[in-house]
């Protein structure tokens, strides 16, 4: 019995249903979520009828190639017949919500790829695709049920105007729409000046300002202030964090230069800027920072880049080389949210780190929770043994400040001293 489509050489319905049954069984066994994408080429019949079946067949072959090139080795792409294709995406996540987000990302990626122009027999053709998504397993359904769910979602996509994606479960569709809206809003925010930088002072044991951290804020045109925790994770996943991060670096360094020129020593001496994992992984990141420093005229010794522990240990030698290149320029490094990730004495010894920032979650209960108190005290002692500075972030009360002060912490950041402020208010605070 034939199991491959003669036109596209993709698995046909028979092989697809066998693999879908296996996927259901393996997902239930592992306890993770997978997805089925049902793809229909919009208005394909019009191309077939107007240009003839040979052109239509060549277009289907080209579509099949693009689909196959867009997916992972472990995924399955199949042709059901006509202009209908199905993709199986196994082992997306053990969290259904995250699996839905990943399925949406894959669907959008494939939809974009299919929308690029095709040259078929001297005809430039443009097509779009409607995609239905069904996650699995959702209950005791069988393979036929999953395919029907994805098919139903695809028809909802058609009814919504084509060239779009729909989930079988309405709540997932709402979440996907909100996520897509957020992506579009971030893109608009970058071009319409909705992003802002606020600055939170860092103070010494006497309460004197010794530096600041640049913190991103988003004043949405219609929703007001949006906090970073509501949009940074999506920006990181979609890659939009690269453009947003560039904006932060350029504007923060420009402000640092102004403070240096104004001899605002308290602020011009140390500005911390957060660097996202995606930014740091850019092959040209060190060269990019060097160029920004040159263009801005900033003293590199006044700049601290804050990295999370996960970034530091991901590829130790790669990280070490990049940090050493930046350290050669005079830049300082801080480990943000220290204690929440992959804390290891080995990487503290190898990497050119200057500062540890104790995560605010440990600071919050430091005066009442013995476990947090012991952990914070250990971090302060360990940092001293390594010759590292310590910054306690998220200090909200006098009680927390006194505890940290008595344990030898010398630098503090938090609303007890000052909330993050726009640059004008912070400059007034200095004066």
Protein backbone atom coordinates (compact mmCIF):
# COMPACT_ATOMS: atom_id res chain seq x y z
CA UNK A 1 0.00 0.00 0.00
CA UNK A 2 1.43 3.40 -1.01
CA UNK A 3 2.25 5.66 1.91
CA UNK A 4 3.72 8.65 0.05
CA UNK A 5 2.02 11.24 -2.15
CA UNK A 6 3.01 10.79 -5.79
CA UNK A 7 3.04 14.51 -6.60
CA UNK A 8 4.97 15.95 -3.63
CA UNK A 9 6.73 12.87 -2.21
CA UNK A 10 5.37 13.80 1.22
CA UNK A 11 3.66 11.21 3.46
CA UNK A 12 0.05 10.70 2.42
CA UNK A 13 -3.04 10.37 4.63
CA UNK A 14 -2.33 6.72 5.46
CA UNK A 15 1.17 7.37 6.79
CA UNK A 16 0.05 10.63 8.43
CA UNK A 17 -2.66 8.89 10.46
CA UNK A 18 -0.21 6.21 11.55
CA UNK A 19 2.29 8.82 12.74
CA UNK A 20 -0.46 10.86 14.40
CA UNK A 21 -1.57 7.78 16.35
CA UNK A 22 2.03 7.18 17.42
CA UNK A 23 2.40 10.84 18.38
CA UNK A 24 -0.72 10.67 20.55
CA UNK A 25 0.60 7.60 22.34
CA UNK A 26 4.09 9.02 22.90
CA UNK A 27 2.77 12.38 24.10
CA UNK A 28 0.54 10.67 26.65
CA UNK A 29 3.42 8.51 27.78
CA UNK A 30 5.81 11.46 28.18
CA UNK A 31 3.22 13.87 29.49
CA UNK A 32 4.03 16.60 26.98
CA UNK A 33 2.00 18.52 24.40
CA UNK A 34 2.30 18.31 20.61
CA UNK A 35 0.42 20.08 17.83
CA UNK A 36 -1.25 19.34 14.52
CA UNK A 37 -1.28 22.11 11.91
CA UNK A 38 -3.86 21.83 9.13
CA UNK A 39 -2.86 24.01 6.15
CA UNK A 40 -5.06 25.01 3.25
CA UNK A 41 -3.79 27.16 0.36
CA UNK A 42 -6.14 30.10 -0.07
CA UNK A 43 -7.86 30.46 -3.47
CA UNK A 44 -5.80 27.67 -5.01
CA UNK A 45 -8.75 26.64 -7.20
CA UNK A 46 -8.58 29.98 -9.03
CA UNK A 47 -4.96 29.36 -10.01
CA UNK A 48 -5.73 25.82 -11.12
CA UNK A 49 -8.71 26.91 -13.20
CA UNK A 50 -7.08 29.93 -14.81
CA UNK A 51 -3.55 28.67 -15.45
CA UNK A 52 -4.16 24.94 -15.77
CA UNK A 53 -3.37 21.83 -13.74
CA UNK A 54 0.34 21.63 -14.68
CA UNK A 55 0.93 25.06 -13.12
CA UNK A 56 -1.23 24.12 -10.14
CA UNK A 57 0.72 20.89 -9.62
CA UNK A 58 4.06 22.71 -9.87
CA UNK A 59 2.83 25.22 -7.29
CA UNK A 60 1.82 22.40 -4.92
CA UNK A 61 5.26 20.87 -5.30
CA UNK A 62 6.88 24.22 -4.49
CA UNK A 63 4.61 24.67 -1.47
CA UNK A 64 5.51 21.16 -0.26
CA UNK A 65 9.23 21.94 -0.54
CA UNK A 66 8.89 25.15 1.45
CA UNK A 67 6.89 23.41 4.17
CA UNK A 68 9.46 20.65 4.44
CA UNK A 69 12.33 23.15 4.57
CA UNK A 70 10.58 25.12 7.34
CA UNK A 71 10.19 22.33 9.89
CA UNK A 72 12.47 20.31 12.17
CA UNK A 73 13.84 16.86 11.38
CA UNK A 74 11.55 15.26 13.97
CA UNK A 75 8.40 16.88 12.51
CA UNK A 76 6.13 15.34 9.88
CA UNK A 77 4.77 17.18 6.85
CA UNK A 78 2.09 15.37 4.86
CA UNK A 79 -0.24 16.07 1.97
CA UNK A 80 -3.84 15.02 2.45
CA UNK A 81 -4.83 15.76 -1.12
CA UNK A 82 -5.73 18.78 -3.21
CA UNK A 83 -4.24 21.89 -1.60
CA UNK A 84 -4.37 20.55 1.97
CA UNK A 85 -1.27 19.80 4.01
CA UNK A 86 -0.78 18.70 7.62
CA UNK A 87 2.22 19.17 9.92
CA UNK A 88 2.81 17.25 13.15
CA UNK A 89 4.94 19.03 15.75
CA UNK A 90 5.94 16.60 18.52
CA UNK A 91 7.19 17.36 22.04
CA UNK A 92 6.66 21.12 22.06
CA UNK A 93 6.42 21.52 25.84
CA UNK A 94 5.03 19.88 28.96
CA UNK A 95 3.11 23.14 29.54
CA UNK A 96 0.04 23.34 27.22
CA UNK A 97 0.09 27.15 27.24
CA UNK A 98 3.72 27.26 26.17
CA UNK A 99 3.04 24.54 23.59
CA UNK A 100 0.25 26.69 22.16
CA UNK A 101 2.61 29.67 21.90
CA UNK A 102 5.23 27.58 20.11
CA UNK A 103 2.63 26.09 17.75
CA UNK A 104 1.48 29.62 16.92
CA UNK A 105 5.08 30.67 16.22
CA UNK A 106 5.60 27.72 13.89
CA UNK A 107 2.33 28.43 12.09
CA UNK A 108 3.25 32.08 11.57
CA UNK A 109 6.72 31.13 10.33
CA UNK A 110 5.27 28.68 7.79
CA UNK A 111 2.59 31.16 6.74
CA UNK A 112 5.24 33.82 6.06
CA UNK A 113 7.39 31.38 4.10
CA UNK A 114 4.49 30.28 1.92
CA UNK A 115 3.51 33.88 1.15
CA UNK A 116 6.75 34.66 -0.72
CA UNK A 117 6.42 34.82 -4.49
CA UNK A 118 6.64 31.67 -6.67
CA UNK A 119 7.93 31.64 -10.25
CA UNK A 120 6.08 28.85 -12.08
CA UNK A 121 6.38 28.62 -15.88
CA UNK A 122 7.08 32.35 -16.18
CA UNK A 123 4.11 33.16 -13.91
CA UNK A 124 4.80 35.05 -10.69
CA UNK A 125 2.32 33.62 -8.23
CA UNK A 126 1.40 34.84 -4.76
CA UNK A 127 -0.57 32.66 -2.39
CA UNK A 128 -1.51 32.72 1.26
CA UNK A 129 -2.45 29.96 3.67
CA UNK A 130 -5.12 29.42 6.31
CA UNK A 131 -3.89 27.27 9.20
CA UNK A 132 -5.83 25.44 11.90
CA UNK A 133 -4.06 24.28 15.06
CA UNK A 134 -5.10 21.46 17.39
CA UNK A 135 -3.00 20.61 20.44
CA UNK A 136 -2.76 17.03 21.63
CA UNK A 137 -3.48 15.18 23.76
CA UNK A 138 -6.44 17.05 25.23
CA UNK A 139 -8.42 14.05 26.46
CA UNK A 140 -9.16 10.53 25.24
CA UNK A 141 -9.38 11.51 21.58
CA UNK A 142 -8.04 9.34 18.76
CA UNK A 143 -6.05 10.42 15.70
CA UNK A 144 -9.18 11.00 13.61
CA UNK A 145 -10.52 13.38 16.27
CA UNK A 146 -7.30 15.42 16.30
CA UNK A 147 -7.29 15.80 12.53
CA UNK A 148 -10.96 16.83 12.58
CA UNK A 149 -10.23 19.42 15.29
CA UNK A 150 -7.40 20.91 13.24
CA UNK A 151 -9.60 20.87 10.13
CA UNK A 152 -12.36 22.71 12.03
CA UNK A 153 -9.87 25.32 13.22
CA UNK A 154 -8.62 25.76 9.64
CA UNK A 155 -12.17 26.54 8.45
CA UNK A 156 -12.47 29.09 11.23
CA UNK A 157 -9.31 30.68 9.82
CA UNK A 158 -10.94 30.75 6.37
CA UNK A 159 -14.07 32.35 7.81
CA UNK A 160 -11.93 34.99 9.52
CA UNK A 161 -10.72 36.29 6.17
CA UNK A 162 -8.04 33.77 5.15
CA UNK A 163 -4.26 34.15 5.53
CA UNK A 164 -4.61 33.64 9.26
CA UNK A 165 -4.28 31.06 12.02
CA UNK A 166 -6.91 29.70 14.39
CA UNK A 167 -6.89 27.27 17.32
CA UNK A 168 -9.48 24.59 17.86
CA UNK A 169 -9.93 25.71 21.49
CA UNK A 170 -11.29 29.29 21.68
CA UNK A 171 -9.32 30.17 24.85
CA UNK A 172 -6.08 29.30 23.08
CA UNK A 173 -7.18 31.41 20.15
CA UNK A 174 -7.75 34.38 22.43
CA UNK A 175 -4.29 33.91 23.97
CA UNK A 176 -2.73 33.66 20.51
CA UNK A 177 -4.52 36.80 19.35
CA UNK A 178 -3.37 38.69 22.43
CA UNK A 179 0.19 37.55 21.83
CA UNK A 180 0.07 38.62 18.18
CA UNK A 181 -1.44 41.97 19.20
CA UNK A 182 1.39 42.43 21.67
CA UNK A 183 3.98 41.75 18.97
CA UNK A 184 2.38 44.28 16.63
CA UNK A 185 2.08 46.84 19.43
CA UNK A 186 5.76 46.43 20.32
CA UNK A 187 6.71 46.99 16.70
CA UNK A 188 4.62 50.15 16.64
CA UNK A 189 5.93 51.29 20.02
CA UNK A 190 9.49 51.21 18.75
CA UNK A 191 8.65 53.41 15.77
CA UNK A 192 6.35 55.82 17.62
CA UNK A 193 8.48 56.59 20.65
CA UNK A 194 6.37 54.74 23.22
CA UNK A 195 9.37 53.15 24.95
CA UNK A 196 11.01 55.10 27.74
CA UNK A 197 14.00 54.66 30.00
CA UNK A 198 13.62 55.16 33.72
CA UNK A 199 16.63 55.11 36.02
CA UNK A 200 16.83 53.65 39.52
CA UNK A 201 19.68 54.93 41.70
CA UNK A 202 22.15 52.65 43.44
CA UNK A 203 23.27 53.95 46.82
CA UNK A 204 26.06 53.20 49.29
CA UNK A 205 25.73 52.49 53.01
CA UNK A 206 25.34 56.22 53.72
CA UNK A 207 22.51 56.57 51.19
CA UNK A 208 24.71 58.46 48.72
CA UNK A 209 23.95 57.80 45.04
CA UNK A 210 26.83 55.94 43.40
CA UNK A 211 25.26 54.94 40.10
CA UNK A 212 22.02 53.90 38.44
CA UNK A 213 20.37 51.14 36.44
CA UNK A 214 18.56 51.86 33.17
CA UNK A 215 15.13 50.21 33.18
CA UNK A 216 12.83 49.93 30.18
CA UNK A 217 9.24 51.17 30.42
CA UNK A 218 6.49 51.16 27.80
CA UNK A 219 3.84 53.86 27.79
CA UNK A 220 1.29 52.21 25.49
CA UNK A 221 -0.75 54.60 23.37
CA UNK A 222 -4.06 53.25 24.67
CA UNK A 223 -3.24 50.93 27.60
CA UNK A 224 -0.99 53.22 29.60
CA UNK A 225 2.15 51.94 31.32
CA UNK A 226 3.08 48.33 30.48
CA UNK A 227 5.61 46.68 32.77
CA UNK A 228 8.59 44.76 31.33
CA UNK A 229 7.42 41.44 32.80
CA UNK A 230 4.35 41.69 30.55
CA UNK A 231 6.22 42.08 27.26
CA UNK A 232 9.93 41.26 27.58
CA UNK A 233 9.42 37.43 27.60
CA UNK A 234 7.45 37.65 24.33
CA UNK A 235 10.03 40.01 22.82
CA UNK A 236 12.77 37.56 23.79
CA UNK A 237 10.96 34.61 22.20
CA UNK A 238 10.10 36.41 18.96
CA UNK A 239 13.47 38.10 18.53
CA UNK A 240 12.00 41.62 18.83
CA UNK A 241 14.24 42.04 21.87
CA UNK A 242 17.16 42.66 19.48
CA UNK A 243 15.68 45.89 18.12
CA UNK A 244 14.33 46.91 21.52
CA UNK A 245 17.67 46.13 23.17
CA UNK A 246 19.51 48.19 20.57
CA UNK A 247 17.19 51.11 21.34
CA UNK A 248 17.92 50.76 25.06
CA UNK A 249 21.69 50.65 24.56
CA UNK A 250 21.78 53.66 22.23
CA UNK A 251 19.58 55.83 24.44
CA UNK A 252 21.11 54.77 27.75
CA UNK A 253 24.64 55.47 26.50
CA UNK A 254 23.50 58.84 25.16
CA UNK A 255 22.16 59.69 28.61
CA UNK A 256 25.33 58.46 30.29
CA UNK A 257 27.35 60.75 28.03
CA UNK A 258 25.19 63.70 29.05
CA UNK A 259 25.80 62.92 32.72
CA UNK A 260 29.53 62.65 32.08
CA UNK A 261 29.55 65.98 30.27
CA UNK A 262 27.56 67.63 33.06
CA UNK A 263 29.98 66.14 35.59
CA UNK A 264 27.08 64.50 37.40
CA UNK A 265 29.57 62.23 39.11
CA UNK A 266 27.00 60.23 41.06
CA UNK A 267 25.32 59.05 37.87
CA UNK A 268 28.09 59.37 35.29
CA UNK A 269 30.40 57.07 37.22
CA UNK A 270 28.34 53.87 36.88
CA UNK A 271 25.38 53.05 34.67
CA UNK A 272 24.10 49.48 34.51
CA UNK A 273 22.26 48.20 31.41
CA UNK A 274 20.57 44.82 31.14
CA UNK A 275 21.57 42.67 28.18
CA UNK A 276 19.15 39.98 27.05
CA UNK A 277 20.29 36.44 26.20
CA UNK A 278 19.51 36.97 22.51
CA UNK A 279 21.51 40.19 22.41
CA UNK A 280 24.54 38.63 24.04
CA UNK A 281 24.46 35.63 21.64
CA UNK A 282 24.78 37.91 18.62
CA UNK A 283 28.13 37.02 16.97
CA UNK A 284 28.92 40.72 16.51
CA UNK A 285 27.82 41.81 20.00
CA UNK A 286 31.30 42.82 21.22
CA UNK A 287 32.01 44.77 18.02
CA UNK A 288 28.58 46.39 18.24
CA UNK A 289 29.18 47.57 21.81
CA UNK A 290 32.62 48.87 20.83
CA UNK A 291 31.07 50.91 18.01
CA UNK A 292 28.35 52.30 20.31
CA UNK A 293 30.98 53.37 22.83
CA UNK A 294 33.01 55.03 20.10
CA UNK A 295 29.98 56.81 18.64
CA UNK A 296 28.66 57.97 22.02
CA UNK A 297 32.02 59.01 23.45
CA UNK A 298 31.20 57.30 26.76
CA UNK A 299 33.98 56.21 29.12
CA UNK A 300 33.75 52.37 28.99
CA UNK A 301 34.72 52.18 32.66
CA UNK A 302 31.44 53.88 33.55
CA UNK A 303 29.36 51.13 31.89
CA UNK A 304 28.23 47.91 33.58
CA UNK A 305 26.48 45.22 31.53
CA UNK A 306 24.10 43.03 33.52
CA UNK A 307 23.78 39.41 32.43
CA UNK A 308 21.75 36.56 33.90
CA UNK A 309 23.38 33.36 35.14
CA UNK A 310 21.78 31.32 32.37
CA UNK A 311 23.59 33.35 29.71
CA UNK A 312 26.93 32.94 31.45
CA UNK A 313 26.97 29.15 31.66
CA UNK A 314 25.30 28.33 28.34
CA UNK A 315 28.56 28.05 26.40
CA UNK A 316 31.39 28.78 28.80
CA UNK A 317 34.26 29.27 26.34
CA UNK A 318 32.15 31.36 23.94
CA UNK A 319 30.93 33.47 26.86
CA UNK A 320 34.45 33.85 28.25
CA UNK A 321 35.88 35.02 24.90
CA UNK A 322 33.12 37.57 24.41
CA UNK A 323 33.32 38.91 27.97
CA UNK A 324 37.12 39.19 27.76
CA UNK A 325 36.81 41.16 24.54
CA UNK A 326 34.42 43.59 26.22
CA UNK A 327 36.45 43.67 29.42
CA UNK A 328 39.41 44.70 27.26
CA UNK A 329 37.47 47.86 26.44
CA UNK A 330 37.08 48.61 30.16
CA UNK A 331 33.46 47.48 30.58
CA UNK A 332 32.33 45.97 33.88
CA UNK A 333 30.03 42.94 34.30
CA UNK A 334 27.33 42.19 36.81
CA UNK A 335 25.38 38.96 37.34
CA UNK A 336 21.73 39.93 37.63
CA UNK A 337 19.29 38.04 39.88
CA UNK A 338 22.14 36.05 41.39
CA UNK A 339 21.05 32.90 43.21
CA UNK A 340 18.02 32.15 41.02
CA UNK A 341 19.77 30.20 38.26
CA UNK A 342 22.90 28.14 37.79
CA UNK A 343 24.97 29.43 40.70
CA UNK A 344 28.40 27.85 40.48
CA UNK A 345 31.71 28.74 42.07
CA UNK A 346 33.43 27.42 38.94
CA UNK A 347 32.04 30.06 36.60
CA UNK A 348 32.57 32.84 39.16
CA UNK A 349 36.22 31.88 39.21
CA UNK A 350 36.62 31.75 35.42
CA UNK A 351 34.54 34.65 34.16
CA UNK A 352 35.55 38.34 34.44
CA UNK A 353 32.66 39.31 36.70
CA UNK A 354 32.82 42.43 38.89
CA UNK A 355 29.51 42.40 40.71
CA UNK A 356 26.71 40.16 41.99
CA UNK A 357 23.15 41.46 42.30
CA UNK A 358 21.18 39.56 44.93
CA UNK A 359 17.71 38.84 43.59
CA UNK A 360 14.86 40.83 45.13
CA UNK A 361 12.94 37.63 45.94
CA UNK A 362 15.62 36.76 48.51
CA UNK A 363 15.72 40.31 49.86
CA UNK A 364 11.94 40.52 50.35
CA UNK A 365 11.80 38.11 53.31
CA UNK A 366 15.40 38.41 54.46
CA UNK A 367 14.39 39.79 57.86
CA UNK A 368 11.78 37.10 58.55
CA UNK A 369 12.78 33.94 56.66
CA UNK A 370 15.88 32.19 58.07
CA UNK A 371 16.51 30.39 54.76
CA UNK A 372 16.62 33.64 52.79
CA UNK A 373 18.70 35.25 55.51
CA UNK A 374 21.26 32.44 55.40
CA UNK A 375 21.37 32.48 51.61
CA UNK A 376 21.89 36.24 51.41
CA UNK A 377 24.57 36.13 54.09
CA UNK A 378 26.34 33.31 52.21
CA UNK A 379 26.27 35.27 48.93
CA UNK A 380 27.72 38.38 50.58
CA UNK A 381 30.50 36.35 52.22
CA UNK A 382 31.25 34.40 49.04
CA UNK A 383 31.39 37.58 46.95
CA UNK A 384 33.87 39.06 49.40
CA UNK A 385 36.06 35.98 49.13
CA UNK A 386 36.06 36.34 45.34
CA UNK A 387 36.72 40.06 45.48
CA UNK A 388 33.32 40.87 43.97
CA UNK A 389 31.04 43.77 44.78
CA UNK A 390 27.49 43.05 45.92
CA UNK A 391 24.33 44.99 45.10
CA UNK A 392 21.13 44.13 46.99
CA UNK A 393 18.21 44.90 44.68
CA UNK A 394 14.59 45.27 45.69
CA UNK A 395 15.28 46.86 49.10
CA UNK A 396 11.90 48.15 50.25
CA UNK A 397 12.17 48.61 54.04
CA UNK A 398 14.50 49.93 56.71
CA UNK A 399 14.51 46.47 58.27
CA UNK A 400 15.89 44.93 55.07
CA UNK A 401 18.47 47.70 54.74
CA UNK A 402 19.69 47.26 58.33
CA UNK A 403 19.98 43.49 57.93
CA UNK A 404 22.04 43.85 54.74
CA UNK A 405 24.18 46.63 56.17
CA UNK A 406 25.01 44.53 59.23
CA UNK A 407 26.06 41.61 56.98
CA UNK A 408 28.54 43.69 55.05
CA UNK A 409 26.56 44.65 51.94
CA UNK A 410 27.83 47.98 50.63
CA UNK A 411 25.54 48.84 47.72
CA UNK A 412 21.75 48.94 47.58
CA UNK A 413 18.94 49.47 45.09
CA UNK A 414 15.21 49.59 45.68
CA UNK A 415 12.15 51.70 46.35
CA UNK A 416 13.24 52.34 49.95
CA UNK A 417 15.73 54.78 48.45
CA UNK A 418 14.05 55.71 45.17
CA UNK A 419 11.67 54.24 42.63
CA UNK A 420 12.83 54.12 39.01
CA UNK A 421 12.38 57.65 37.67
CA UNK A 422 12.41 59.44 34.31
CA UNK A 423 15.74 61.11 33.69
CA UNK A 424 14.45 64.61 34.52
CA UNK A 425 13.23 63.55 37.98
CA UNK A 426 16.42 61.64 38.71
CA UNK A 427 18.59 64.60 37.76
CA UNK A 428 16.48 66.80 40.09
CA UNK A 429 17.01 64.23 42.85
CA UNK A 430 20.78 64.49 42.43
CA UNK A 431 20.72 68.25 42.67
